[in-house]
Amino acid sequence: ALVGRPVDGVARHGKFVDLDVDGTHLVFHLARAGWLRFSEKLS
C-alpha cells in the first residue's frame, strides 16, 4: 500500500520513527539491537 506514494513527513513518537506516506504510515521501533542504514544508491 506504500508503493507509488510520496513520503510527506517523518516524525517521532517516543522511540518510534513514523513515516507519513501519503496518509498511510510506516512506523518502526529499532528495539535493543536494531538500526537504520541509509544508502544513496541501494543494491
PDB file of all heavy atoms in Angstrom:
ATOM      1  N   ALA A   1       0.826  -1.213   0.000  1.00  0.00           N
ATOM      2  CA  ALA A   1       0.000   0.000   0.000  1.00  0.00           C
ATOM      3  C   ALA A   1       0.857   1.259   0.000  1.00  0.00           C
ATOM      4  O   ALA A   1       0.378   2.341  -0.342  1.00  0.00           O
ATOM      5  CB  ALA A   1      -0.931   0.001   1.210  1.00  0.00           C
ATOM      6  N   LEU A   2       2.134   1.127   0.366  1.00  0.00           N
ATOM      7  CA  LEU A   2       3.039   2.278   0.392  1.00  0.00           C
ATOM      8  C   LEU A   2       3.659   2.563  -0.973  1.00  0.00           C
ATOM      9  O   LEU A   2       4.142   3.669  -1.220  1.00  0.00           O
ATOM     10  CB  LEU A   2       4.161   2.031   1.411  1.00  0.00           C
ATOM     11  CG  LEU A   2       3.736   1.722   2.848  1.00  0.00           C
ATOM     12  CD1 LEU A   2       4.956   1.317   3.665  1.00  0.00           C
ATOM     13  CD2 LEU A   2       3.037   2.914   3.476  1.00  0.00           C
ATOM     14  N   VAL A   3       3.652   1.583  -1.842  1.00  0.00           N
ATOM     15  CA  VAL A   3       4.338   1.685  -3.128  1.00  0.00           C
ATOM     16  C   VAL A   3       3.603   2.648  -4.058  1.00  0.00           C
ATOM     17  O   VAL A   3       2.369   2.622  -4.178  1.00  0.00           O
ATOM     18  CB  VAL A   3       4.459   0.298  -3.780  1.00  0.00           C
ATOM     19  CG1 VAL A   3       5.087   0.412  -5.176  1.00  0.00           C
ATOM     20  CG2 VAL A   3       5.295  -0.624  -2.904  1.00  0.00           C
ATOM     21  N   GLY A   4       4.396   3.523  -4.702  1.00  0.00           N
ATOM     22  CA  GLY A   4       3.832   4.502  -5.630  1.00  0.00           C
ATOM     23  C   GLY A   4       3.328   5.755  -4.949  1.00  0.00           C
ATOM     24  O   GLY A   4       2.750   6.633  -5.616  1.00  0.00           O
ATOM     25  N   ARG A   5       3.596   5.889  -3.653  1.00  0.00           N
ATOM     26  CA  ARG A   5       3.090   7.049  -2.902  1.00  0.00           C
ATOM     27  C   ARG A   5       4.251   7.854  -2.320  1.00  0.00           C
ATOM     28  O   ARG A   5       5.292   7.299  -1.961  1.00  0.00           O
ATOM     29  CB  ARG A   5       2.137   6.583  -1.804  1.00  0.00           C
ATOM     30  CG  ARG A   5       0.968   5.784  -2.366  1.00  0.00           C
ATOM     31  CD  ARG A   5       0.164   5.071  -1.304  1.00  0.00           C
ATOM     32  NE  ARG A   5      -0.683   5.991  -0.548  1.00  0.00           N
ATOM     33  CZ  ARG A   5      -1.585   5.578   0.367  1.00  0.00           C
ATOM     34  NH1 ARG A   5      -1.734   4.282   0.612  1.00  0.00           N
ATOM     35  NH2 ARG A   5      -2.321   6.449   0.999  1.00  0.00           N
ATOM     36  N   PRO A   6       4.077   9.175  -2.196  1.00  0.00           N
ATOM     37  CA  PRO A   6       5.162  10.031  -1.705  1.00  0.00           C
ATOM     38  C   PRO A   6       5.244  10.040  -0.177  1.00  0.00           C
ATOM     39  O   PRO A   6       4.245   9.871   0.522  1.00  0.00           O
ATOM     40  CB  PRO A   6       4.766  11.414  -2.221  1.00  0.00           C
ATOM     41  CG  PRO A   6       3.265  11.370  -2.241  1.00  0.00           C
ATOM     42  CD  PRO A   6       2.904   9.962  -2.634  1.00  0.00           C
ATOM     43  N   VAL A   7       6.455  10.264   0.311  1.00  0.00           N
ATOM     44  CA  VAL A   7       6.667  10.453   1.744  1.00  0.00           C
ATOM     45  C   VAL A   7       6.420  11.922   2.064  1.00  0.00           C
ATOM     46  O   VAL A   7       7.109  12.806   1.553  1.00  0.00           O
ATOM     47  CB  VAL A   7       8.095  10.046   2.155  1.00  0.00           C
ATOM     48  CG1 VAL A   7       8.290  10.263   3.653  1.00  0.00           C
ATOM     49  CG2 VAL A   7       8.377   8.600   1.779  1.00  0.00           C
ATOM     50  N   ASP A   8       5.420  12.184   2.902  1.00  0.00           N
ATOM     51  CA  ASP A   8       5.044  13.563   3.218  1.00  0.00           C
ATOM     52  C   ASP A   8       5.739  14.109   4.458  1.00  0.00           C
ATOM     53  O   ASP A   8       5.833  15.332   4.632  1.00  0.00           O
ATOM     54  CB  ASP A   8       3.526  13.652   3.426  1.00  0.00           C
ATOM     55  CG  ASP A   8       2.758  13.382   2.141  1.00  0.00           C
ATOM     56  OD1 ASP A   8       3.324  13.602   1.056  1.00  0.00           O
ATOM     57  OD2 ASP A   8       1.594  12.933   2.220  1.00  0.00           O
ATOM     58  N   GLY A   9       6.196  13.228   5.327  1.00  0.00           N
ATOM     59  CA  GLY A   9       6.822  13.714   6.548  1.00  0.00           C
ATOM     60  C   GLY A   9       7.388  12.578   7.366  1.00  0.00           C
ATOM     61  O   GLY A   9       7.078  11.407   7.144  1.00  0.00           O
ATOM     62  N   VAL A  10       8.251  12.938   8.329  1.00  0.00           N
ATOM     63  CA  VAL A  10       8.850  11.969   9.247  1.00  0.00           C
ATOM     64  C   VAL A  10       8.704  12.538  10.649  1.00  0.00           C
ATOM     65  O   VAL A  10       8.996  13.718  10.888  1.00  0.00           O
ATOM     66  CB  VAL A  10      10.337  11.714   8.946  1.00  0.00           C
ATOM     67  CG1 VAL A  10      10.867  10.551   9.788  1.00  0.00           C
ATOM     68  CG2 VAL A  10      10.560  11.436   7.465  1.00  0.00           C
ATOM     69  N   ALA A  11       8.241  11.711  11.583  1.00  0.00           N
ATOM     70  CA  ALA A  11       8.001  12.180  12.945  1.00  0.00           C
ATOM     71  C   ALA A  11       8.482  11.142  13.947  1.00  0.00           C
ATOM     72  O   ALA A  11       8.818  10.009  13.593  1.00  0.00           O
ATOM     73  CB  ALA A  11       6.506  12.455  13.156  1.00  0.00           C
ATOM     74  N   ARG A  12       8.519  11.543  15.200  1.00  0.00           N
ATOM     75  CA  ARG A  12       8.917  10.657  16.300  1.00  0.00           C
ATOM     76  C   ARG A  12       7.808  10.553  17.326  1.00  0.00           C
ATOM     77  O   ARG A  12       7.180  11.550  17.669  1.00  0.00           O
ATOM     78  CB  ARG A  12      10.199  11.195  16.973  1.00  0.00           C
ATOM     79  CG  ARG A  12      10.659  10.355  18.167  1.00  0.00           C
ATOM     80  CD  ARG A  12      11.893  10.953  18.833  1.00  0.00           C
ATOM     81  NE  ARG A  12      11.652  12.301  19.339  1.00  0.00           N
ATOM     82  CZ  ARG A  12      11.035  12.577  20.482  1.00  0.00           C
ATOM     83  NH1 ARG A  12      10.545  11.610  21.247  1.00  0.00           N
ATOM     84  NH2 ARG A  12      10.874  13.832  20.862  1.00  0.00           N
ATOM     85  N   HIS A  13       7.585   9.347  17.831  1.00  0.00           N
ATOM     86  CA  HIS A  13       6.696   9.100  18.962  1.00  0.00           C
ATOM     87  C   HIS A  13       7.505   8.299  19.976  1.00  0.00           C
ATOM     88  O   HIS A  13       7.717   7.101  19.791  1.00  0.00           O
ATOM     89  CB  HIS A  13       5.456   8.311  18.551  1.00  0.00           C
ATOM     90  CG  HIS A  13       4.743   8.853  17.348  1.00  0.00           C
ATOM     91  ND1 HIS A  13       3.879   9.934  17.418  1.00  0.00           N
ATOM     92  CD2 HIS A  13       4.790   8.484  16.042  1.00  0.00           C
ATOM     93  CE1 HIS A  13       3.411  10.181  16.204  1.00  0.00           C
ATOM     94  NE2 HIS A  13       3.949   9.329  15.364  1.00  0.00           N
ATOM     95  N   GLY A  14       8.008   8.954  21.026  1.00  0.00           N
ATOM     96  CA  GLY A  14       8.884   8.246  21.947  1.00  0.00           C
ATOM     97  C   GLY A  14      10.104   7.733  21.204  1.00  0.00           C
ATOM     98  O   GLY A  14      10.879   8.496  20.637  1.00  0.00           O
ATOM     99  N   LYS A  15      10.281   6.406  21.162  1.00  0.00           N
ATOM    100  CA  LYS A  15      11.402   5.796  20.443  1.00  0.00           C
ATOM    101  C   LYS A  15      10.974   5.258  19.078  1.00  0.00           C
ATOM    102  O   LYS A  15      11.744   4.544  18.425  1.00  0.00           O
ATOM    103  CB  LYS A  15      11.992   4.649  21.270  1.00  0.00           C
ATOM    104  CG  LYS A  15      12.524   5.066  22.647  1.00  0.00           C
ATOM    105  CD  LYS A  15      13.031   3.839  23.398  1.00  0.00           C
ATOM    106  CE  LYS A  15      13.379   4.167  24.835  1.00  0.00           C
ATOM    107  NZ  LYS A  15      13.822   2.964  25.579  1.00  0.00           N
ATOM    108  N   PHE A  16       9.769   5.573  18.632  1.00  0.00           N
ATOM    109  CA  PHE A  16       9.271   5.115  17.337  1.00  0.00           C
ATOM    110  C   PHE A  16       9.527   6.162  16.258  1.00  0.00           C
ATOM    111  O   PHE A  16       9.361   7.360  16.495  1.00  0.00           O
ATOM    112  CB  PHE A  16       7.761   4.861  17.391  1.00  0.00           C
ATOM    113  CG  PHE A  16       7.362   3.634  18.167  1.00  0.00           C
ATOM    114  CD1 PHE A  16       7.270   3.671  19.546  1.00  0.00           C
ATOM    115  CD2 PHE A  16       7.056   2.443  17.516  1.00  0.00           C
ATOM    116  CE1 PHE A  16       6.886   2.546  20.275  1.00  0.00           C
ATOM    117  CE2 PHE A  16       6.670   1.316  18.224  1.00  0.00           C
ATOM    118  CZ  PHE A  16       6.585   1.368  19.610  1.00  0.00           C
ATOM    119  N   VAL A  17       9.890   5.699  15.058  1.00  0.00           N
ATOM    120  CA  VAL A  17      10.005   6.555  13.876  1.00  0.00           C
ATOM    121  C   VAL A  17       8.755   6.346  13.031  1.00  0.00           C
ATOM    122  O   VAL A  17       8.300   5.214  12.844  1.00  0.00           O
ATOM    123  CB  VAL A  17      11.260   6.210  13.048  1.00  0.00           C
ATOM    124  CG1 VAL A  17      11.314   7.052  11.779  1.00  0.00           C
ATOM    125  CG2 VAL A  17      12.521   6.418  13.884  1.00  0.00           C
ATOM    126  N   ASP A  18       8.197   7.438  12.518  1.00  0.00           N
ATOM    127  CA  ASP A  18       6.925   7.400  11.793  1.00  0.00           C
ATOM    128  C   ASP A  18       7.087   8.121  10.455  1.00  0.00           C
ATOM    129  O   ASP A  18       7.314   9.328  10.414  1.00  0.00           O
ATOM    130  CB  ASP A  18       5.849   8.081  12.657  1.00  0.00           C
ATOM    131  CG  ASP A  18       4.537   8.306  11.922  1.00  0.00           C
ATOM    132  OD1 ASP A  18       4.331   7.717  10.840  1.00  0.00           O
ATOM    133  OD2 ASP A  18       3.695   9.073  12.453  1.00  0.00           O
ATOM    134  N   LEU A  19       6.990   7.356   9.354  1.00  0.00           N
ATOM    135  CA  LEU A  19       6.987   7.938   8.010  1.00  0.00           C
ATOM    136  C   LEU A  19       5.544   8.069   7.537  1.00  0.00           C
ATOM    137  O   LEU A  19       4.828   7.066   7.433  1.00  0.00           O
ATOM    138  CB  LEU A  19       7.761   7.056   7.023  1.00  0.00           C
ATOM    139  CG  LEU A  19       9.273   7.294   6.887  1.00  0.00           C
ATOM    140  CD1 LEU A  19       9.984   6.881   8.169  1.00  0.00           C
ATOM    141  CD2 LEU A  19       9.818   6.529   5.692  1.00  0.00           C
ATOM    142  N   ASP A  20       5.129   9.287   7.279  1.00  0.00           N
ATOM    143  CA  ASP A  20       3.799   9.546   6.731  1.00  0.00           C
ATOM    144  C   ASP A  20       3.907   9.430   5.211  1.00  0.00           C
ATOM    145  O   ASP A  20       4.517  10.262   4.548  1.00  0.00           O
ATOM    146  CB  ASP A  20       3.342  10.948   7.136  1.00  0.00           C
ATOM    147  CG  ASP A  20       1.955  11.291   6.603  1.00  0.00           C
ATOM    148  OD1 ASP A  20       1.420  10.536   5.765  1.00  0.00           O
ATOM    149  OD2 ASP A  20       1.408  12.332   7.019  1.00  0.00           O
ATOM    150  N   VAL A  21       3.315   8.368   4.674  1.00  0.00           N
ATOM    151  CA  VAL A  21       3.394   8.094   3.239  1.00  0.00           C
ATOM    152  C   VAL A  21       2.017   8.357   2.630  1.00  0.00           C
ATOM    153  O   VAL A  21       1.169   7.470   2.564  1.00  0.00           O
ATOM    154  CB  VAL A  21       3.847   6.645   2.982  1.00  0.00           C
ATOM    155  CG1 VAL A  21       4.051   6.406   1.484  1.00  0.00           C
ATOM    156  CG2 VAL A  21       5.134   6.340   3.747  1.00  0.00           C
ATOM    157  N   ASP A  22       1.789   9.611   2.288  1.00  0.00           N
ATOM    158  CA  ASP A  22       0.522   9.998   1.660  1.00  0.00           C
ATOM    159  C   ASP A  22      -0.679   9.561   2.492  1.00  0.00           C
ATOM    160  O   ASP A  22      -1.686   9.082   1.976  1.00  0.00           O
ATOM    161  CB  ASP A  22       0.448   9.402   0.250  1.00  0.00           C
ATOM    162  CG  ASP A  22      -0.661  10.025  -0.595  1.00  0.00           C
ATOM    163  OD1 ASP A  22      -1.008  11.191  -0.347  1.00  0.00           O
ATOM    164  OD2 ASP A  22      -1.174   9.324  -1.492  1.00  0.00           O
ATOM    165  N   GLY A  23      -0.560   9.706   3.823  1.00  0.00           N
ATOM    166  CA  GLY A  23      -1.666   9.388   4.726  1.00  0.00           C
ATOM    167  C   GLY A  23      -1.627   8.014   5.338  1.00  0.00           C
ATOM    168  O   GLY A  23      -2.325   7.751   6.321  1.00  0.00           O
ATOM    169  N   THR A  24      -0.828   7.114   4.776  1.00  0.00           N
ATOM    170  CA  THR A  24      -0.587   5.813   5.400  1.00  0.00           C
ATOM    171  C   THR A  24       0.790   5.868   6.047  1.00  0.00           C
ATOM    172  O   THR A  24       1.698   6.522   5.526  1.00  0.00           O
ATOM    173  CB  THR A  24      -0.641   4.681   4.352  1.00  0.00           C
ATOM    174  OG1 THR A  24      -1.942   4.680   3.759  1.00  0.00           O
ATOM    175  CG2 THR A  24      -0.389   3.326   4.982  1.00  0.00           C
ATOM    176  N   HIS A  25       0.940   5.192   7.174  1.00  0.00           N
ATOM    177  CA  HIS A  25       2.158   5.363   7.965  1.00  0.00           C
ATOM    178  C   HIS A  25       2.972   4.079   8.063  1.00  0.00           C
ATOM    179  O   HIS A  25       2.426   3.009   8.361  1.00  0.00           O
ATOM    180  CB  HIS A  25       1.805   5.843   9.374  1.00  0.00           C
ATOM    181  CG  HIS A  25       1.156   7.189   9.403  1.00  0.00           C
ATOM    182  ND1 HIS A  25       1.831   8.331   9.765  1.00  0.00           N
ATOM    183  CD2 HIS A  25      -0.103   7.578   9.071  1.00  0.00           C
ATOM    184  CE1 HIS A  25       1.010   9.371   9.682  1.00  0.00           C
ATOM    185  NE2 HIS A  25      -0.165   8.942   9.255  1.00  0.00           N
ATOM    186  N   LEU A  26       4.276   4.212   7.814  1.00  0.00           N
ATOM    187  CA  LEU A  26       5.230   3.155   8.122  1.00  0.00           C
ATOM    188  C   LEU A  26       5.900   3.548   9.431  1.00  0.00           C
ATOM    189  O   LEU A  26       6.610   4.549   9.497  1.00  0.00           O
ATOM    190  CB  LEU A  26       6.273   3.007   7.011  1.00  0.00           C
ATOM    191  CG  LEU A  26       7.437   2.051   7.317  1.00  0.00           C
ATOM    192  CD1 LEU A  26       6.946   0.633   7.542  1.00  0.00           C
ATOM    193  CD2 LEU A  26       8.487   2.092   6.203  1.00  0.00           C
ATOM    194  N   VAL A  27       5.633   2.779  10.456  1.00  0.00           N
ATOM    195  CA  VAL A  27       6.146   3.066  11.792  1.00  0.00           C
ATOM    196  C   VAL A  27       7.095   1.940  12.188  1.00  0.00           C
ATOM    197  O   VAL A  27       6.793   0.761  11.948  1.00  0.00           O
ATOM    198  CB  VAL A  27       4.987   3.153  12.810  1.00  0.00           C
ATOM    199  CG1 VAL A  27       5.530   3.398  14.218  1.00  0.00           C
ATOM    200  CG2 VAL A  27       4.012   4.255  12.411  1.00  0.00           C
ATOM    201  N   PHE A  28       8.237   2.283  12.778  1.00  0.00           N
ATOM    202  CA  PHE A  28       9.128   1.221  13.238  1.00  0.00           C
ATOM    203  C   PHE A  28       9.834   1.591  14.538  1.00  0.00           C
ATOM    204  O   PHE A  28      10.019   2.759  14.869  1.00  0.00           O
ATOM    205  CB  PHE A  28      10.144   0.822  12.163  1.00  0.00           C
ATOM    206  CG  PHE A  28      11.010   1.940  11.631  1.00  0.00           C
ATOM    207  CD1 PHE A  28      12.195   2.281  12.251  1.00  0.00           C
ATOM    208  CD2 PHE A  28      10.638   2.633  10.480  1.00  0.00           C
ATOM    209  CE1 PHE A  28      13.001   3.290  11.752  1.00  0.00           C
ATOM    210  CE2 PHE A  28      11.440   3.641   9.968  1.00  0.00           C
ATOM    211  CZ  PHE A  28      12.626   3.975  10.604  1.00  0.00           C
ATOM    212  N   HIS A  29      10.181   0.538  15.279  1.00  0.00           N
ATOM    213  CA  HIS A  29      10.891   0.640  16.556  1.00  0.00           C
ATOM    214  C   HIS A  29      12.128  -0.223  16.437  1.00  0.00           C
ATOM    215  O   HIS A  29      12.040  -1.409  16.111  1.00  0.00           O
ATOM    216  CB  HIS A  29       9.988   0.159  17.693  1.00  0.00           C
ATOM    217  CG  HIS A  29      10.548   0.408  19.068  1.00  0.00           C
ATOM    218  ND1 HIS A  29      11.637  -0.285  19.566  1.00  0.00           N
ATOM    219  CD2 HIS A  29      10.168   1.263  20.049  1.00  0.00           C
ATOM    220  CE1 HIS A  29      11.896   0.144  20.790  1.00  0.00           C
ATOM    221  NE2 HIS A  29      11.034   1.078  21.107  1.00  0.00           N
ATOM    222  N   LEU A  30      13.305   0.343  16.704  1.00  0.00           N
ATOM    223  CA  LEU A  30      14.557  -0.357  16.468  1.00  0.00           C
ATOM    224  C   LEU A  30      14.940  -1.321  17.581  1.00  0.00           C
ATOM    225  O   LEU A  30      15.874  -2.121  17.419  1.00  0.00           O
ATOM    226  CB  LEU A  30      15.678   0.661  16.245  1.00  0.00           C
ATOM    227  CG  LEU A  30      15.508   1.495  14.968  1.00  0.00           C
ATOM    228  CD1 LEU A  30      16.496   2.647  14.959  1.00  0.00           C
ATOM    229  CD2 LEU A  30      15.669   0.642  13.724  1.00  0.00           C
ATOM    230  N   ALA A  31      14.254  -1.261  18.724  1.00  0.00           N
ATOM    231  CA  ALA A  31      14.486  -2.172  19.834  1.00  0.00           C
ATOM    232  C   ALA A  31      15.950  -2.112  20.301  1.00  0.00           C
ATOM    233  O   ALA A  31      16.640  -1.128  20.095  1.00  0.00           O
ATOM    234  CB  ALA A  31      14.072  -3.595  19.460  1.00  0.00           C
ATOM    235  N   ARG A  32      16.426  -3.191  20.925  1.00  0.00           N
ATOM    236  CA  ARG A  32      17.743  -3.153  21.554  1.00  0.00           C
ATOM    237  C   ARG A  32      18.888  -3.128  20.542  1.00  0.00           C
ATOM    238  O   ARG A  32      19.877  -2.426  20.725  1.00  0.00           O
ATOM    239  CB  ARG A  32      17.912  -4.373  22.478  1.00  0.00           C
ATOM    240  CG  ARG A  32      19.229  -4.382  23.250  1.00  0.00           C
ATOM    241  CD  ARG A  32      19.351  -5.649  24.066  1.00  0.00           C
ATOM    242  NE  ARG A  32      18.377  -5.685  25.131  1.00  0.00           N
ATOM    243  CZ  ARG A  32      18.593  -5.214  26.367  1.00  0.00           C
ATOM    244  NH1 ARG A  32      19.763  -4.680  26.672  1.00  0.00           N
ATOM    245  NH2 ARG A  32      17.653  -5.282  27.293  1.00  0.00           N
ATOM    246  N   ALA A  33      18.774  -3.904  19.472  1.00  0.00           N
ATOM    247  CA  ALA A  33      19.923  -4.070  18.573  1.00  0.00           C
ATOM    248  C   ALA A  33      19.610  -3.729  17.123  1.00  0.00           C
ATOM    249  O   ALA A  33      20.362  -4.091  16.223  1.00  0.00           O
ATOM    250  CB  ALA A  33      20.442  -5.515  18.660  1.00  0.00           C
ATOM    251  N   GLY A  34      18.526  -3.027  16.877  1.00  0.00           N
ATOM    252  CA  GLY A  34      18.189  -2.653  15.515  1.00  0.00           C
ATOM    253  C   GLY A  34      18.829  -1.337  15.106  1.00  0.00           C
ATOM    254  O   GLY A  34      19.220  -0.531  15.946  1.00  0.00           O
ATOM    255  N   TRP A  35      18.936  -1.123  13.792  1.00  0.00           N
ATOM    256  CA  TRP A  35      19.466   0.150  13.306  1.00  0.00           C
ATOM    257  C   TRP A  35      18.977   0.394  11.884  1.00  0.00           C
ATOM    258  O   TRP A  35      18.444  -0.507  11.226  1.00  0.00           O
ATOM    259  CB  TRP A  35      20.983   0.179  13.353  1.00  0.00           C
ATOM    260  CG  TRP A  35      21.530   1.580  13.245  1.00  0.00           C
ATOM    261  CD1 TRP A  35      22.349   2.061  12.279  1.00  0.00           C
ATOM    262  CD2 TRP A  35      21.275   2.675  14.129  1.00  0.00           C
ATOM    263  NE1 TRP A  35      22.620   3.396  12.501  1.00  0.00           N
ATOM    264  CE2 TRP A  35      21.962   3.792  13.635  1.00  0.00           C
ATOM    265  CE3 TRP A  35      20.518   2.815  15.299  1.00  0.00           C
ATOM    266  CZ2 TRP A  35      21.927   5.043  14.255  1.00  0.00           C
ATOM    267  CZ3 TRP A  35      20.481   4.064  15.910  1.00  0.00           C
ATOM    268  CH2 TRP A  35      21.182   5.148  15.401  1.00  0.00           C
ATOM    269  N   LEU A  36      19.127   1.635  11.451  1.00  0.00           N
ATOM    270  CA  LEU A  36      18.744   2.034  10.103  1.00  0.00           C
ATOM    271  C   LEU A  36      20.002   2.350   9.313  1.00  0.00           C
ATOM    272  O   LEU A  36      20.869   3.087   9.784  1.00  0.00           O
ATOM    273  CB  LEU A  36      17.825   3.250  10.152  1.00  0.00           C
ATOM    274  CG  LEU A  36      17.326   3.786   8.806  1.00  0.00           C
ATOM    275  CD1 LEU A  36      15.916   4.317   8.946  1.00  0.00           C
ATOM    276  CD2 LEU A  36      18.238   4.910   8.279  1.00  0.00           C
ATOM    277  N   ARG A  37      20.090   1.788   8.117  1.00  0.00           N
ATOM    278  CA  ARG A  37      21.236   2.010   7.236  1.00  0.00           C
ATOM    279  C   ARG A  37      20.725   2.621   5.945  1.00  0.00           C
ATOM    280  O   ARG A  37      20.015   1.973   5.176  1.00  0.00           O
ATOM    281  CB  ARG A  37      21.939   0.682   6.980  1.00  0.00           C
ATOM    282  CG  ARG A  37      23.260   0.801   6.204  1.00  0.00           C
ATOM    283  CD  ARG A  37      23.953  -0.547   6.145  1.00  0.00           C
ATOM    284  NE  ARG A  37      23.140  -1.542   5.463  1.00  0.00           N
ATOM    285  CZ  ARG A  37      23.313  -2.849   5.590  1.00  0.00           C
ATOM    286  NH1 ARG A  37      24.227  -3.324   6.414  1.00  0.00           N
ATOM    287  NH2 ARG A  37      22.552  -3.695   4.906  1.00  0.00           N
ATOM    288  N   PHE A  38      21.101   3.889   5.707  1.00  0.00           N
ATOM    289  CA  PHE A  38      20.655   4.595   4.511  1.00  0.00           C
ATOM    290  C   PHE A  38      21.703   4.501   3.419  1.00  0.00           C
ATOM    291  O   PHE A  38      22.906   4.560   3.674  1.00  0.00           O
ATOM    292  CB  PHE A  38      20.385   6.069   4.832  1.00  0.00           C
ATOM    293  CG  PHE A  38      19.708   6.815   3.716  1.00  0.00           C
ATOM    294  CD1 PHE A  38      18.332   6.844   3.629  1.00  0.00           C
ATOM    295  CD2 PHE A  38      20.462   7.465   2.744  1.00  0.00           C
ATOM    296  CE1 PHE A  38      17.705   7.516   2.591  1.00  0.00           C
ATOM    297  CE2 PHE A  38      19.846   8.141   1.707  1.00  0.00           C
ATOM    298  CZ  PHE A  38      18.459   8.165   1.628  1.00  0.00           C
ATOM    299  N   SER A  39      21.241   4.355   2.188  1.00  0.00           N
ATOM    300  CA  SER A  39      22.160   4.307   1.045  1.00  0.00           C
ATOM    301  C   SER A  39      21.670   5.248  -0.038  1.00  0.00           C
ATOM    302  O   SER A  39      20.478   5.265  -0.360  1.00  0.00           O
ATOM    303  CB  SER A  39      22.238   2.875   0.494  1.00  0.00           C
ATOM    304  OG  SER A  39      23.048   2.844  -0.666  1.00  0.00           O
ATOM    305  N   GLU A  40      22.600   6.013  -0.596  1.00  0.00           N
ATOM    306  CA  GLU A  40      22.241   6.909  -1.688  1.00  0.00           C
ATOM    307  C   GLU A  40      21.937   6.125  -2.964  1.00  0.00           C
ATOM    308  O   GLU A  40      21.236   6.617  -3.840  1.00  0.00           O
ATOM    309  CB  GLU A  40      23.375   7.909  -1.946  1.00  0.00           C
ATOM    310  CG  GLU A  40      23.702   8.815  -0.767  1.00  0.00           C
ATOM    311  CD  GLU A  40      22.589   9.806  -0.443  1.00  0.00           C
ATOM    312  OE1 GLU A  40      21.653   9.951  -1.256  1.00  0.00           O
ATOM    313  OE2 GLU A  40      22.669  10.429   0.631  1.00  0.00           O
ATOM    314  N   LYS A  41      22.458   4.904  -3.037  1.00  0.00           N
ATOM    315  CA  LYS A  41      22.181   4.039  -4.185  1.00  0.00           C
ATOM    316  C   LYS A  41      22.108   2.599  -3.682  1.00  0.00           C
ATOM    317  O   LYS A  41      23.133   1.959  -3.464  1.00  0.00           O
ATOM    318  CB  LYS A  41      23.255   4.180  -5.257  1.00  0.00           C
ATOM    319  CG  LYS A  41      22.909   3.437  -6.554  1.00  0.00           C
ATOM    320  CD  LYS A  41      23.961   3.705  -7.618  1.00  0.00           C
ATOM    321  CE  LYS A  41      23.664   2.967  -8.915  1.00  0.00           C
ATOM    322  NZ  LYS A  41      22.375   3.412  -9.536  1.00  0.00           N
ATOM    323  N   LEU A  42      20.896   2.104  -3.500  1.00  0.00           N
ATOM    324  CA  LEU A  42      20.701   0.757  -2.980  1.00  0.00           C
ATOM    325  C   LEU A  42      21.124  -0.299  -4.002  1.00  0.00           C
ATOM    326  O   LEU A  42      21.061  -0.083  -5.221  1.00  0.00           O
ATOM    327  CB  LEU A  42      19.223   0.526  -2.642  1.00  0.00           C
ATOM    328  CG  LEU A  42      18.703   1.073  -1.319  1.00  0.00           C
ATOM    329  CD1 LEU A  42      17.202   0.832  -1.227  1.00  0.00           C
ATOM    330  CD2 LEU A  42      19.416   0.449  -0.131  1.00  0.00           C
ATOM    331  N   SER A  43      21.528  -1.450  -3.497  1.00  0.00           N
ATOM    332  CA  SER A  43      21.796  -2.594  -4.354  1.00  0.00           C
ATOM    333  C   SER A  43      20.521  -2.969  -5.113  1.00  0.00           C
ATOM    334  O   SER A  43      19.411  -2.871  -4.582  1.00  0.00           O
ATOM    335  CB  SER A  43      22.258  -3.783  -3.513  1.00  0.00           C
ATOM    336  OG  SER A  43      22.239  -4.976  -4.268  1.00  0.00           O
TER     337      SER A  43
END
